[in-house]
Amino acid sequence: MKINWKEVFKFLSGAAFVGSITNLYLYLNNISVPFFTYTITPELFGLRFVVGFILFLLFFYHGYLKK
C-alpha cells in the first residue's frame, strides 16, 4: 500500500491551522488552563500558536502548492 503524502499534508495543514487558531484565542483572551497538576499559561499558548502556524504553512505548502 502506497501512502499519498500530499493528502496527508493536506489533512495535517487543517489540523495545525485549527490548533494554532485555538491557541491564539486562548493567548489573546489571557486564559490559563489547568493540566493535571500544572497550569498552561497564556504565554505558552502564544508560543504554541507560533509553532503551530509555522507547521500549518509548511504542511499547506507541501499539500497544496508544491507540484
C-alpha atoms as a PDB file:
ATOM      1  CA  MET A   1       0.000   0.000   0.000  1.00  0.00           C
ATOM      2  CA  LYS A   2       1.383   3.384  -1.027  1.00  0.00           C
ATOM      3  CA  ILE A   3       0.892   6.426   1.185  1.00  0.00           C
ATOM      4  CA  ASN A   4      -0.248   9.540  -0.647  1.00  0.00           C
ATOM      5  CA  TRP A   5       1.811  12.116   1.248  1.00  0.00           C
ATOM      6  CA  LYS A   6       0.131  15.021  -0.487  1.00  0.00           C
ATOM      7  CA  GLU A   7      -3.200  14.048   1.112  1.00  0.00           C
ATOM      8  CA  VAL A   8      -1.532  13.514   4.491  1.00  0.00           C
ATOM      9  CA  PHE A   9      -0.062  17.015   4.339  1.00  0.00           C
ATOM     10  CA  LYS A  10      -3.474  18.450   3.409  1.00  0.00           C
ATOM     11  CA  PHE A  11      -5.005  16.830   6.499  1.00  0.00           C
ATOM     12  CA  LEU A  12      -2.162  17.969   8.741  1.00  0.00           C
ATOM     13  CA  SER A  13      -2.398  21.536   7.445  1.00  0.00           C
ATOM     14  CA  GLY A  14      -6.037  21.694   8.531  1.00  0.00           C
ATOM     15  CA  ALA A  15      -5.285  20.209  11.929  1.00  0.00           C
ATOM     16  CA  ALA A  16      -2.352  22.586  12.506  1.00  0.00           C
ATOM     17  CA  PHE A  17      -4.465  25.574  11.444  1.00  0.00           C
ATOM     18  CA  VAL A  18      -7.303  24.758  13.840  1.00  0.00           C
ATOM     19  CA  GLY A  19      -4.893  24.089  16.701  1.00  0.00           C
ATOM     20  CA  SER A  20      -2.952  27.299  16.137  1.00  0.00           C
ATOM     21  CA  ILE A  21      -6.120  29.427  15.954  1.00  0.00           C
ATOM     22  CA  THR A  22      -7.353  27.858  19.197  1.00  0.00           C
ATOM     23  CA  ASN A  23      -4.047  28.680  20.888  1.00  0.00           C
ATOM     24  CA  LEU A  24      -4.240  32.242  19.541  1.00  0.00           C
ATOM     25  CA  TYR A  25      -7.724  32.659  21.026  1.00  0.00           C
ATOM     26  CA  LEU A  26      -6.553  31.438  24.441  1.00  0.00           C
ATOM     27  CA  TYR A  27      -3.499  33.713  24.276  1.00  0.00           C
ATOM     28  CA  LEU A  28      -5.403  36.859  23.270  1.00  0.00           C
ATOM     29  CA  ASN A  29      -8.063  36.355  25.943  1.00  0.00           C
ATOM     30  CA  ASN A  30      -5.443  35.672  28.647  1.00  0.00           C
ATOM     31  CA  ILE A  31      -6.894  32.278  29.614  1.00  0.00           C
ATOM     32  CA  SER A  32      -4.921  29.779  31.702  1.00  0.00           C
ATOM     33  CA  VAL A  33      -5.845  26.098  31.510  1.00  0.00           C
ATOM     34  CA  PRO A  34      -5.173  23.563  34.265  1.00  0.00           C
ATOM     35  CA  PHE A  35      -3.458  20.385  33.062  1.00  0.00           C
ATOM     36  CA  PHE A  36      -3.164  17.688  35.756  1.00  0.00           C
ATOM     37  CA  THR A  37      -1.083  19.406  38.476  1.00  0.00           C
ATOM     38  CA  TYR A  38       0.276  22.135  36.143  1.00  0.00           C
ATOM     39  CA  THR A  39      -1.210  25.273  34.634  1.00  0.00           C
ATOM     40  CA  ILE A  40      -0.677  26.192  30.990  1.00  0.00           C
ATOM     41  CA  THR A  41      -0.119  29.948  30.874  1.00  0.00           C
ATOM     42  CA  PRO A  42      -1.213  32.311  28.100  1.00  0.00           C
ATOM     43  CA  GLU A  43       2.453  32.929  27.192  1.00  0.00           C
ATOM     44  CA  LEU A  44       2.844  29.229  26.429  1.00  0.00           C
ATOM     45  CA  PHE A  45      -0.299  29.368  24.287  1.00  0.00           C
ATOM     46  CA  GLY A  46       1.288  32.238  22.354  1.00  0.00           C
ATOM     47  CA  LEU A  47       4.399  30.151  21.730  1.00  0.00           C
ATOM     48  CA  ARG A  48       2.283  27.176  20.696  1.00  0.00           C
ATOM     49  CA  PHE A  49       0.406  29.441  18.252  1.00  0.00           C
ATOM     50  CA  VAL A  50       3.654  30.469  16.553  1.00  0.00           C
ATOM     51  CA  VAL A  51       4.905  26.881  16.271  1.00  0.00           C
ATOM     52  CA  GLY A  52       1.527  25.605  15.070  1.00  0.00           C
ATOM     53  CA  PHE A  53       1.193  28.340  12.470  1.00  0.00           C
ATOM     54  CA  ILE A  54       4.663  27.606  11.094  1.00  0.00           C
ATOM     55  CA  LEU A  55       3.716  23.939  10.840  1.00  0.00           C
ATOM     56  CA  PHE A  56       0.493  24.947   9.087  1.00  0.00           C
ATOM     57  CA  LEU A  57       2.451  26.941   6.499  1.00  0.00           C
ATOM     58  CA  LEU A  58       4.839  24.048   5.880  1.00  0.00           C
ATOM     59  CA  PHE A  59       2.076  21.459   5.565  1.00  0.00           C
ATOM     60  CA  PHE A  60      -0.019  23.785   3.388  1.00  0.00           C
ATOM     61  CA  TYR A  61       2.883  24.325   1.015  1.00  0.00           C
ATOM     62  CA  HIS A  62       3.644  20.618   0.690  1.00  0.00           C
ATOM     63  CA  GLY A  63      -0.028  19.628   0.439  1.00  0.00           C
ATOM     64  CA  TYR A  64      -1.449  22.260  -1.894  1.00  0.00           C
ATOM     65  CA  LEU A  65       1.212  24.419  -3.550  1.00  0.00           C
ATOM     66  CA  LYS A  66       4.139  22.127  -4.326  1.00  0.00           C
ATOM     67  CA  LYS A  67       3.877  20.193  -7.582  1.00  0.00           C
END
